[in-house]
Amino acid sequence: MIPRRLLLVCLLPVALGGCLAKTAFDIATAPVRVVSKGVDLATTSQSESDENRGREIRRQEERLGKLERDYEKQLDACENGNRRACDDARDTYAEMQQIIPTIPYQPKDD
């Protein structure tokens, strides 16, 4: 029984040496990892910027499409004599005119 304990006691430092070295390495590199994580959070990559811009353009296009549909309905009601629809159509058209310049022009492929 004693030789088994002796063997265990002798092998314990060798086995734990890797764990201690890894822990020391983790402690030494922790400040670098914290700073790099902070930089990653503080900056936006070009691809993230492009994705965000694409989302914003899609939202504006969706909003413009909804306004165009509403505008058509309001014009139909206006032509049928609904004065309130005429006022709404004017307001909708004004909002459309504000959104249109913010959407980049993309020529259609023929």
C-alpha atoms as a PDB file:
ATOM      1  CA  MET A   1       0.000   0.000   0.000  1.00  0.00           C
ATOM      2  CA  ILE A   2       2.835   2.368   0.853  1.00  0.00           C
ATOM      3  CA  PRO A   3       4.489   2.055  -2.574  1.00  0.00           C
ATOM      4  CA  ARG A   4       1.193   3.016  -4.201  1.00  0.00           C
ATOM      5  CA  ARG A   5       0.915   6.177  -2.092  1.00  0.00           C
ATOM      6  CA  LEU A   6       4.521   6.991  -2.774  1.00  0.00           C
ATOM      7  CA  LEU A   7       3.935   6.629  -6.496  1.00  0.00           C
ATOM      8  CA  LEU A   8       0.871   8.877  -6.273  1.00  0.00           C
ATOM      9  CA  VAL A   9       2.780  11.511  -4.297  1.00  0.00           C
ATOM     10  CA  CYS A  10       5.621  11.420  -6.826  1.00  0.00           C
ATOM     11  CA  LEU A  11       3.349  11.735  -9.853  1.00  0.00           C
ATOM     12  CA  LEU A  12       1.129  14.450  -8.384  1.00  0.00           C
ATOM     13  CA  PRO A  13       3.509  17.396  -9.069  1.00  0.00           C
ATOM     14  CA  VAL A  14       4.075  16.209 -12.623  1.00  0.00           C
ATOM     15  CA  ALA A  15       0.360  15.875 -13.273  1.00  0.00           C
ATOM     16  CA  LEU A  16      -0.478  19.222 -11.714  1.00  0.00           C
ATOM     17  CA  GLY A  17       2.427  20.991 -13.394  1.00  0.00           C
ATOM     18  CA  GLY A  18       0.442  21.400 -16.606  1.00  0.00           C
ATOM     19  CA  CYS A  19      -2.544  22.765 -14.714  1.00  0.00           C
ATOM     20  CA  LEU A  20      -0.389  25.252 -12.837  1.00  0.00           C
ATOM     21  CA  ALA A  21       1.358  26.344 -16.022  1.00  0.00           C
ATOM     22  CA  LYS A  22      -1.963  26.853 -17.795  1.00  0.00           C
ATOM     23  CA  THR A  23      -3.339  28.827 -14.844  1.00  0.00           C
ATOM     24  CA  ALA A  24      -0.219  31.011 -14.787  1.00  0.00           C
ATOM     25  CA  PHE A  25      -0.537  31.539 -18.549  1.00  0.00           C
ATOM     26  CA  ASP A  26      -4.235  32.452 -18.225  1.00  0.00           C
ATOM     27  CA  ILE A  27      -3.446  34.959 -15.475  1.00  0.00           C
ATOM     28  CA  ALA A  28      -0.616  36.512 -17.486  1.00  0.00           C
ATOM     29  CA  THR A  29      -2.699  36.907 -20.651  1.00  0.00           C
ATOM     30  CA  ALA A  30      -5.912  38.054 -18.952  1.00  0.00           C
ATOM     31  CA  PRO A  31      -5.196  41.813 -19.265  1.00  0.00           C
ATOM     32  CA  VAL A  32      -4.503  41.443 -22.989  1.00  0.00           C
ATOM     33  CA  ARG A  33      -7.738  39.504 -23.522  1.00  0.00           C
ATOM     34  CA  VAL A  34      -9.750  42.082 -21.560  1.00  0.00           C
ATOM     35  CA  VAL A  35      -8.318  44.990 -23.565  1.00  0.00           C
ATOM     36  CA  SER A  36      -8.830  43.258 -26.913  1.00  0.00           C
ATOM     37  CA  LYS A  37     -12.438  42.408 -25.986  1.00  0.00           C
ATOM     38  CA  GLY A  38     -13.011  46.061 -25.096  1.00  0.00           C
ATOM     39  CA  VAL A  39     -11.583  47.177 -28.436  1.00  0.00           C
ATOM     40  CA  ASP A  40     -13.799  44.680 -30.267  1.00  0.00           C
ATOM     41  CA  LEU A  41     -16.862  46.019 -28.479  1.00  0.00           C
ATOM     42  CA  ALA A  42     -15.887  49.655 -29.052  1.00  0.00           C
ATOM     43  CA  THR A  43     -15.210  49.348 -32.778  1.00  0.00           C
ATOM     44  CA  THR A  44     -17.405  48.257 -35.654  1.00  0.00           C
ATOM     45  CA  SER A  45     -15.935  46.196 -38.448  1.00  0.00           C
ATOM     46  CA  GLN A  46     -16.585  47.094 -42.065  1.00  0.00           C
ATOM     47  CA  SER A  47     -18.813  44.043 -42.539  1.00  0.00           C
ATOM     48  CA  GLU A  48     -20.879  44.949 -39.455  1.00  0.00           C
ATOM     49  CA  SER A  49     -21.181  48.491 -40.752  1.00  0.00           C
ATOM     50  CA  ASP A  50     -22.301  47.212 -44.164  1.00  0.00           C
ATOM     51  CA  GLU A  51     -24.869  44.892 -42.562  1.00  0.00           C
ATOM     52  CA  ASN A  52     -26.274  47.708 -40.440  1.00  0.00           C
ATOM     53  CA  ARG A  53     -26.484  50.020 -43.476  1.00  0.00           C
ATOM     54  CA  GLY A  54     -28.240  47.300 -45.470  1.00  0.00           C
ATOM     55  CA  ARG A  55     -30.788  46.790 -42.684  1.00  0.00           C
ATOM     56  CA  GLU A  56     -31.466  50.513 -42.507  1.00  0.00           C
ATOM     57  CA  ILE A  57     -31.949  50.734 -46.298  1.00  0.00           C
ATOM     58  CA  ARG A  58     -34.360  47.758 -46.213  1.00  0.00           C
ATOM     59  CA  ARG A  59     -36.363  49.408 -43.418  1.00  0.00           C
ATOM     60  CA  GLN A  60     -36.594  52.617 -45.424  1.00  0.00           C
ATOM     61  CA  GLU A  61     -37.625  50.724 -48.562  1.00  0.00           C
ATOM     62  CA  GLU A  62     -40.301  48.861 -46.600  1.00  0.00           C
ATOM     63  CA  ARG A  63     -41.571  52.136 -45.123  1.00  0.00           C
ATOM     64  CA  LEU A  64     -41.630  53.745 -48.574  1.00  0.00           C
ATOM     65  CA  GLY A  65     -43.551  50.771 -49.999  1.00  0.00           C
ATOM     66  CA  LYS A  66     -46.151  51.030 -47.231  1.00  0.00           C
ATOM     67  CA  LEU A  67     -46.482  54.767 -47.783  1.00  0.00           C
ATOM     68  CA  GLU A  68     -46.929  54.239 -51.528  1.00  0.00           C
ATOM     69  CA  ARG A  69     -49.729  51.717 -50.926  1.00  0.00           C
ATOM     70  CA  ASP A  70     -51.416  54.041 -48.432  1.00  0.00           C
ATOM     71  CA  TYR A  71     -51.018  56.956 -50.838  1.00  0.00           C
ATOM     72  CA  GLU A  72     -52.750  55.056 -53.644  1.00  0.00           C
ATOM     73  CA  LYS A  73     -55.669  54.157 -51.361  1.00  0.00           C
ATOM     74  CA  GLN A  74     -55.918  57.735 -50.136  1.00  0.00           C
ATOM     75  CA  LEU A  75     -55.902  59.091 -53.711  1.00  0.00           C
ATOM     76  CA  ASP A  76     -58.730  56.729 -54.657  1.00  0.00           C
ATOM     77  CA  ALA A  77     -60.745  57.906 -51.660  1.00  0.00           C
ATOM     78  CA  CYS A  78     -59.906  61.526 -52.475  1.00  0.00           C
ATOM     79  CA  GLU A  79     -61.153  61.109 -56.035  1.00  0.00           C
ATOM     80  CA  ASN A  80     -64.398  59.749 -54.577  1.00  0.00           C
ATOM     81  CA  GLY A  81     -64.890  63.002 -52.685  1.00  0.00           C
ATOM     82  CA  ASN A  82     -63.371  62.227 -49.294  1.00  0.00           C
ATOM     83  CA  ARG A  83     -61.685  65.493 -48.205  1.00  0.00           C
ATOM     84  CA  ARG A  84     -59.975  63.854 -45.238  1.00  0.00           C
ATOM     85  CA  ALA A  85     -58.337  61.353 -47.615  1.00  0.00           C
ATOM     86  CA  CYS A  86     -57.035  64.279 -49.710  1.00  0.00           C
ATOM     87  CA  ASP A  87     -55.349  65.768 -46.641  1.00  0.00           C
ATOM     88  CA  ASP A  88     -53.950  62.387 -45.675  1.00  0.00           C
ATOM     89  CA  ALA A  89     -52.650  61.853 -49.219  1.00  0.00           C
ATOM     90  CA  ARG A  90     -50.818  65.200 -49.072  1.00  0.00           C
ATOM     91  CA  ASP A  91     -49.210  64.267 -45.758  1.00  0.00           C
ATOM     92  CA  THR A  92     -48.252  60.811 -47.025  1.00  0.00           C
ATOM     93  CA  TYR A  93     -46.760  62.276 -50.206  1.00  0.00           C
ATOM     94  CA  ALA A  94     -44.684  64.736 -48.144  1.00  0.00           C
ATOM     95  CA  GLU A  95     -43.335  61.898 -46.015  1.00  0.00           C
ATOM     96  CA  MET A  96     -42.505  59.906 -49.146  1.00  0.00           C
ATOM     97  CA  GLN A  97     -40.552  62.863 -50.510  1.00  0.00           C
ATOM     98  CA  GLN A  98     -38.492  62.960 -47.312  1.00  0.00           C
ATOM     99  CA  ILE A  99     -37.646  59.250 -47.457  1.00  0.00           C
ATOM    100  CA  ILE A 100     -36.845  58.957 -51.179  1.00  0.00           C
ATOM    101  CA  PRO A 101     -33.497  60.843 -51.062  1.00  0.00           C
ATOM    102  CA  THR A 102     -32.210  58.586 -48.274  1.00  0.00           C
ATOM    103  CA  ILE A 103     -32.572  55.404 -50.352  1.00  0.00           C
ATOM    104  CA  PRO A 104     -29.656  54.790 -52.745  1.00  0.00           C
ATOM    105  CA  TYR A 105     -30.582  54.490 -56.413  1.00  0.00           C
ATOM    106  CA  GLN A 106     -30.113  51.046 -57.906  1.00  0.00           C
ATOM    107  CA  PRO A 107     -30.673  50.713 -61.631  1.00  0.00           C
ATOM    108  CA  LYS A 108     -32.773  47.704 -62.649  1.00  0.00           C
ATOM    109  CA  ASP A 109     -31.111  44.992 -64.699  1.00  0.00           C
ATOM    110  CA  ASP A 110     -32.843  44.435 -68.030  1.00  0.00           C
END
